Amino acid sequence: MICPRCNTELEGTEFAGVRIETCPGCGGSWFDRDELRQARNIADPDLAWMEFNLWKETDGFHVRKDSSKCPSCGGKMALIGYTDTEVELDYCRECGGIWLDKGEFNAIIRALEEDIDSTSASEFLKISIKEMQELIEASDNFGKEWKHFRTVLKLLEYRVLAEHRTIARIIENFRSPFA
């Protein structure tokens, strides 16, 4: 495969536990379909519960045609930018692969973490109900859904305590005699 940025031959490498192709010239990386999700889940397992479907929520991104050719199938790629983040990635509509320029993987992780930090307790409550429904409906991925549900509940707990300091003080005072 050839790099869509600098026309250098891509090299196979392991990144966050996933076998991908990287460019020794510009430092960009090629992720085949679903490899970016896998790498994200390995790099930060606490983010695994978050949806990562490029086309699911179209309100949050803008799409431009890109002149780059897909290194895997040769198709034209689209440049996708996410709302107020620095994240812009190249997506091949033909094969579903994703090209990330150097540093964009870390920018995606930061954007997801910032999304968590800005989520309110009431939003986490809604998310936890959705995760509970997915847990109940899970027939083959019960273990994975259970981990997602526990993570969201822990985030809900943290957010409630952060937003309601009085509750946090009451809980702390209640716990201290038994510590």
C-alpha atoms as a PDB file:
ATOM      1  CA  MET A   1       0.000   0.000   0.000  1.00  0.00           C
ATOM      2  CA  ILE A   2       1.095   3.557  -0.723  1.00  0.00           C
ATOM      3  CA  CYS A   3       0.701   6.522   1.645  1.00  0.00           C
ATOM      4  CA  PRO A   4      -2.001   8.947   0.436  1.00  0.00           C
ATOM      5  CA  ARG A   5       0.053  11.892   1.755  1.00  0.00           C
ATOM      6  CA  CYS A   6       3.654  11.348   0.645  1.00  0.00           C
ATOM      7  CA  ASN A   7       3.491   8.319  -1.691  1.00  0.00           C
ATOM      8  CA  THR A   8       5.794   6.248   0.545  1.00  0.00           C
ATOM      9  CA  GLU A   9       5.313   2.483   0.872  1.00  0.00           C
ATOM     10  CA  LEU A  10       3.349   1.733   4.064  1.00  0.00           C
ATOM     11  CA  GLU A  11       4.794  -0.699   6.597  1.00  0.00           C
ATOM     12  CA  GLY A  12       2.865  -3.167   8.712  1.00  0.00           C
ATOM     13  CA  THR A  13       3.124  -2.512  12.425  1.00  0.00           C
ATOM     14  CA  GLU A  14       1.277  -3.138  15.654  1.00  0.00           C
ATOM     15  CA  PHE A  15      -0.500  -0.164  17.182  1.00  0.00           C
ATOM     16  CA  ALA A  16      -2.401  -0.436  20.456  1.00  0.00           C
ATOM     17  CA  GLY A  17      -2.621  -4.189  19.934  1.00  0.00           C
ATOM     18  CA  VAL A  18      -3.973  -3.942  16.372  1.00  0.00           C
ATOM     19  CA  ARG A  19      -2.047  -4.721  13.189  1.00  0.00           C
ATOM     20  CA  ILE A  20      -2.170  -1.607  10.955  1.00  0.00           C
ATOM     21  CA  GLU A  21      -0.096   0.035   8.215  1.00  0.00           C
ATOM     22  CA  THR A  22       1.949   3.149   8.953  1.00  0.00           C
ATOM     23  CA  CYS A  23       3.969   5.531   6.842  1.00  0.00           C
ATOM     24  CA  PRO A  24       7.649   5.822   7.782  1.00  0.00           C
ATOM     25  CA  GLY A  25       7.757   9.163   5.954  1.00  0.00           C
ATOM     26  CA  CYS A  26       4.914  11.271   7.387  1.00  0.00           C
ATOM     27  CA  GLY A  27       3.885   9.106  10.361  1.00  0.00           C
ATOM     28  CA  GLY A  28       0.290   8.619   9.196  1.00  0.00           C
ATOM     29  CA  SER A  29      -1.602   5.356   9.783  1.00  0.00           C
ATOM     30  CA  TRP A  30      -4.085   3.244   7.820  1.00  0.00           C
ATOM     31  CA  PHE A  31      -6.821   1.411   9.725  1.00  0.00           C
ATOM     32  CA  ASP A  32      -8.914  -1.169   7.885  1.00  0.00           C
ATOM     33  CA  ARG A  33     -12.630  -1.333   8.689  1.00  0.00           C
ATOM     34  CA  ASP A  34     -13.211  -1.528  12.489  1.00  0.00           C
ATOM     35  CA  GLU A  35      -9.491  -1.483  13.393  1.00  0.00           C
ATOM     36  CA  LEU A  36      -9.726   2.085  14.708  1.00  0.00           C
ATOM     37  CA  ARG A  37     -12.480   1.040  17.126  1.00  0.00           C
ATOM     38  CA  GLN A  38     -10.398  -1.930  18.261  1.00  0.00           C
ATOM     39  CA  ALA A  39      -7.302   0.250  18.810  1.00  0.00           C
ATOM     40  CA  ARG A  40      -9.353   2.823  20.727  1.00  0.00           C
ATOM     41  CA  ASN A  41     -10.833   0.128  22.994  1.00  0.00           C
ATOM     42  CA  ILE A  42      -7.378  -1.283  23.751  1.00  0.00           C
ATOM     43  CA  ALA A  43      -5.749   2.134  24.225  1.00  0.00           C
ATOM     44  CA  ASP A  44      -8.451   3.285  26.666  1.00  0.00           C
ATOM     45  CA  PRO A  45     -10.900   0.533  27.728  1.00  0.00           C
ATOM     46  CA  ASP A  46     -13.005   3.076  29.650  1.00  0.00           C
ATOM     47  CA  LEU A  47     -14.048   4.571  26.289  1.00  0.00           C
ATOM     48  CA  ALA A  48     -15.270   1.250  24.831  1.00  0.00           C
ATOM     49  CA  TRP A  49     -18.907   1.956  25.745  1.00  0.00           C
ATOM     50  CA  MET A  50     -18.964   5.117  23.620  1.00  0.00           C
ATOM     51  CA  GLU A  51     -20.457   4.825  20.160  1.00  0.00           C
ATOM     52  CA  PHE A  52     -17.900   5.115  17.407  1.00  0.00           C
ATOM     53  CA  ASN A  53     -19.965   4.879  14.260  1.00  0.00           C
ATOM     54  CA  LEU A  54     -18.917   7.570  11.772  1.00  0.00           C
ATOM     55  CA  TRP A  55     -22.346   7.838  10.167  1.00  0.00           C
ATOM     56  CA  LYS A  56     -24.588   7.365  13.228  1.00  0.00           C
ATOM     57  CA  GLU A  57     -24.857  10.998  14.378  1.00  0.00           C
ATOM     58  CA  THR A  58     -24.551  13.275  11.381  1.00  0.00           C
ATOM     59  CA  ASP A  59     -25.180  16.487  13.356  1.00  0.00           C
ATOM     60  CA  GLY A  60     -21.701  16.360  14.874  1.00  0.00           C
ATOM     61  CA  PHE A  61     -19.505  16.363  11.798  1.00  0.00           C
ATOM     62  CA  HIS A  62     -18.899  17.940   8.433  1.00  0.00           C
ATOM     63  CA  VAL A  63     -17.760  16.142   5.293  1.00  0.00           C
ATOM     64  CA  ARG A  64     -15.632  17.423   2.452  1.00  0.00           C
ATOM     65  CA  LYS A  65     -14.379  15.608  -0.598  1.00  0.00           C
ATOM     66  CA  ASP A  66     -10.721  14.791  -0.348  1.00  0.00           C
ATOM     67  CA  SER A  67      -8.369  14.394  -3.274  1.00  0.00           C
ATOM     68  CA  SER A  68      -6.562  11.535  -1.526  1.00  0.00           C
ATOM     69  CA  LYS A  69      -6.832   8.029  -2.878  1.00  0.00           C
ATOM     70  CA  CYS A  70      -7.523   5.148  -0.521  1.00  0.00           C
ATOM     71  CA  PRO A  71      -4.310   3.158  -0.007  1.00  0.00           C
ATOM     72  CA  SER A  72      -6.312  -0.070   0.220  1.00  0.00           C
ATOM     73  CA  CYS A  73      -8.825   0.041  -2.667  1.00  0.00           C
ATOM     74  CA  GLY A  74      -7.854   3.192  -4.602  1.00  0.00           C
ATOM     75  CA  GLY A  75     -11.240   4.885  -4.104  1.00  0.00           C
ATOM     76  CA  LYS A  76     -11.666   8.565  -3.307  1.00  0.00           C
ATOM     77  CA  MET A  77     -11.706   9.392   0.373  1.00  0.00           C
ATOM     78  CA  ALA A  78     -13.839  11.919   2.239  1.00  0.00           C
ATOM     79  CA  LEU A  79     -12.408  14.235   4.872  1.00  0.00           C
ATOM     80  CA  ILE A  80     -14.534  14.136   8.022  1.00  0.00           C
ATOM     81  CA  GLY A  81     -14.227  16.812  10.713  1.00  0.00           C
ATOM     82  CA  TYR A  82     -15.899  16.573  14.087  1.00  0.00           C
ATOM     83  CA  THR A  83     -17.679  19.667  15.477  1.00  0.00           C
ATOM     84  CA  ASP A  84     -15.374  21.680  17.710  1.00  0.00           C
ATOM     85  CA  THR A  85     -12.580  19.121  17.954  1.00  0.00           C
ATOM     86  CA  GLU A  86      -9.295  19.116  16.098  1.00  0.00           C
ATOM     87  CA  VAL A  87     -10.128  15.716  14.669  1.00  0.00           C
ATOM     88  CA  GLU A  88     -10.198  15.370  10.901  1.00  0.00           C
ATOM     89  CA  LEU A  89      -9.855  11.957   9.384  1.00  0.00           C
ATOM     90  CA  ASP A  90      -9.911  10.541   5.880  1.00  0.00           C
ATOM     91  CA  TYR A  91     -12.600   7.915   5.353  1.00  0.00           C
ATOM     92  CA  CYS A  92     -12.951   5.600   2.385  1.00  0.00           C
ATOM     93  CA  ARG A  93     -16.616   5.049   1.575  1.00  0.00           C
ATOM     94  CA  GLU A  94     -15.742   2.039  -0.586  1.00  0.00           C
ATOM     95  CA  CYS A  95     -13.853  -0.167   1.890  1.00  0.00           C
ATOM     96  CA  GLY A  96     -14.571   1.591   5.213  1.00  0.00           C
ATOM     97  CA  GLY A  97     -10.900   2.188   5.990  1.00  0.00           C
ATOM     98  CA  ILE A  98      -9.632   5.258   7.824  1.00  0.00           C
ATOM     99  CA  TRP A  99      -6.445   7.264   7.333  1.00  0.00           C
ATOM    100  CA  LEU A 100      -5.158   9.213  10.335  1.00  0.00           C
ATOM    101  CA  ASP A 101      -2.378  11.748  10.027  1.00  0.00           C
ATOM    102  CA  LYS A 102       0.302  11.710  12.709  1.00  0.00           C
ATOM    103  CA  GLY A 103      -1.172  12.652  16.107  1.00  0.00           C
ATOM    104  CA  GLU A 104      -4.847  12.280  15.106  1.00  0.00           C
ATOM    105  CA  PHE A 105      -5.352   9.054  17.085  1.00  0.00           C
ATOM    106  CA  ASN A 106      -4.386  10.876  20.294  1.00  0.00           C
ATOM    107  CA  ALA A 107      -6.634  13.779  19.275  1.00  0.00           C
ATOM    108  CA  ILE A 108      -9.559  11.332  18.948  1.00  0.00           C
ATOM    109  CA  ILE A 109      -8.875   9.908  22.428  1.00  0.00           C
ATOM    110  CA  ARG A 110      -8.665  13.451  23.888  1.00  0.00           C
ATOM    111  CA  ALA A 111     -11.919  14.463  22.157  1.00  0.00           C
ATOM    112  CA  LEU A 112     -13.732  11.410  23.564  1.00  0.00           C
ATOM    113  CA  GLU A 113     -12.370  12.078  27.054  1.00  0.00           C
ATOM    114  CA  GLU A 114     -13.439  15.732  26.818  1.00  0.00           C
ATOM    115  CA  ASP A 115     -16.883  14.556  25.731  1.00  0.00           C
ATOM    116  CA  ILE A 116     -17.085  12.454  28.899  1.00  0.00           C
ATOM    117  CA  ASP A 117     -15.926  15.391  31.033  1.00  0.00           C
ATOM    118  CA  SER A 118     -18.629  17.653  29.603  1.00  0.00           C
ATOM    119  CA  THR A 119     -21.473  15.144  30.004  1.00  0.00           C
ATOM    120  CA  SER A 120     -23.941  16.035  32.770  1.00  0.00           C
ATOM    121  CA  ALA A 121     -25.309  13.669  35.409  1.00  0.00           C
ATOM    122  CA  SER A 122     -28.738  13.692  33.769  1.00  0.00           C
ATOM    123  CA  GLU A 123     -27.174  12.740  30.421  1.00  0.00           C
ATOM    124  CA  PHE A 124     -25.218   9.923  32.103  1.00  0.00           C
ATOM    125  CA  LEU A 125     -28.473   8.712  33.656  1.00  0.00           C
ATOM    126  CA  LYS A 126     -30.035   8.485  30.178  1.00  0.00           C
ATOM    127  CA  ILE A 127     -26.939   6.719  28.860  1.00  0.00           C
ATOM    128  CA  SER A 128     -26.975   4.250  31.762  1.00  0.00           C
ATOM    129  CA  ILE A 129     -30.608   3.366  31.012  1.00  0.00           C
ATOM    130  CA  LYS A 130     -29.668   2.769  27.367  1.00  0.00           C
ATOM    131  CA  GLU A 131     -26.699   0.629  28.436  1.00  0.00           C
ATOM    132  CA  MET A 132     -28.977  -1.349  30.789  1.00  0.00           C
ATOM    133  CA  GLN A 133     -31.329  -2.050  27.874  1.00  0.00           C
ATOM    134  CA  GLU A 134     -28.391  -3.209  25.761  1.00  0.00           C
ATOM    135  CA  LEU A 135     -27.274  -5.425  28.646  1.00  0.00           C
ATOM    136  CA  ILE A 136     -30.711  -7.020  28.939  1.00  0.00           C
ATOM    137  CA  GLU A 137     -30.890  -7.587  25.175  1.00  0.00           C
ATOM    138  CA  ALA A 138     -27.322  -8.918  24.896  1.00  0.00           C
ATOM    139  CA  SER A 139     -27.365 -12.574  24.040  1.00  0.00           C
ATOM    140  CA  ASP A 140     -23.811 -13.151  22.849  1.00  0.00           C
ATOM    141  CA  ASN A 141     -21.919 -10.133  24.234  1.00  0.00           C
ATOM    142  CA  PHE A 142     -23.169 -10.123  27.820  1.00  0.00           C
ATOM    143  CA  GLY A 143     -19.671  -9.735  29.319  1.00  0.00           C
ATOM    144  CA  LYS A 144     -18.835  -6.777  27.101  1.00  0.00           C
ATOM    145  CA  GLU A 145     -22.189  -5.088  27.755  1.00  0.00           C
ATOM    146  CA  TRP A 146     -21.798  -5.669  31.511  1.00  0.00           C
ATOM    147  CA  LYS A 147     -18.421  -3.863  31.450  1.00  0.00           C
ATOM    148  CA  HIS A 148     -19.949  -0.975  29.482  1.00  0.00           C
ATOM    149  CA  PHE A 149     -22.844  -0.702  31.935  1.00  0.00           C
ATOM    150  CA  ARG A 150     -20.493  -0.703  34.969  1.00  0.00           C
ATOM    151  CA  THR A 151     -18.300   1.972  33.377  1.00  0.00           C
ATOM    152  CA  VAL A 152     -21.268   4.246  32.671  1.00  0.00           C
ATOM    153  CA  LEU A 153     -22.609   3.759  36.215  1.00  0.00           C
ATOM    154  CA  LYS A 154     -19.213   4.702  37.668  1.00  0.00           C
ATOM    155  CA  LEU A 155     -19.107   7.815  35.446  1.00  0.00           C
ATOM    156  CA  LEU A 156     -22.647   8.665  36.562  1.00  0.00           C
ATOM    157  CA  GLU A 157     -21.567   8.360  40.196  1.00  0.00           C
ATOM    158  CA  TYR A 158     -18.556  10.636  39.639  1.00  0.00           C
ATOM    159  CA  ARG A 159     -20.645  13.222  37.803  1.00  0.00           C
ATOM    160  CA  VAL A 160     -23.378  13.262  40.483  1.00  0.00           C
ATOM    161  CA  LEU A 161     -20.744  13.775  43.167  1.00  0.00           C
ATOM    162  CA  ALA A 162     -19.019  16.502  41.143  1.00  0.00           C
ATOM    163  CA  GLU A 163     -22.264  18.357  40.417  1.00  0.00           C
ATOM    164  CA  HIS A 164     -23.720  17.958  43.901  1.00  0.00           C
ATOM    165  CA  ARG A 165     -20.976  18.678  46.429  1.00  0.00           C
ATOM    166  CA  THR A 166     -23.429  18.471  49.349  1.00  0.00           C
ATOM    167  CA  ILE A 167     -24.198  14.849  48.489  1.00  0.00           C
ATOM    168  CA  ALA A 168     -20.471  14.145  48.237  1.00  0.00           C
ATOM    169  CA  ARG A 169     -19.862  15.624  51.700  1.00  0.00           C
ATOM    170  CA  ILE A 170     -22.740  13.630  53.203  1.00  0.00           C
ATOM    171  CA  ILE A 171     -21.397  10.402  51.714  1.00  0.00           C
ATOM    172  CA  GLU A 172     -17.861  11.198  52.875  1.00  0.00           C
ATOM    173  CA  ASN A 173     -19.076  11.906  56.424  1.00  0.00           C
ATOM    174  CA  PHE A 174     -21.123   8.698  56.399  1.00  0.00           C
ATOM    175  CA  ARG A 175     -18.142   6.598  55.254  1.00  0.00           C
ATOM    176  CA  SER A 176     -15.509   8.061  57.579  1.00  0.00           C
ATOM    177  CA  PRO A 177     -16.742   6.456  60.875  1.00  0.00           C
ATOM    178  CA  PHE A 178     -16.498   3.023  59.220  1.00  0.00           C
ATOM    179  CA  ALA A 179     -13.152   3.539  57.517  1.00  0.00           C
END
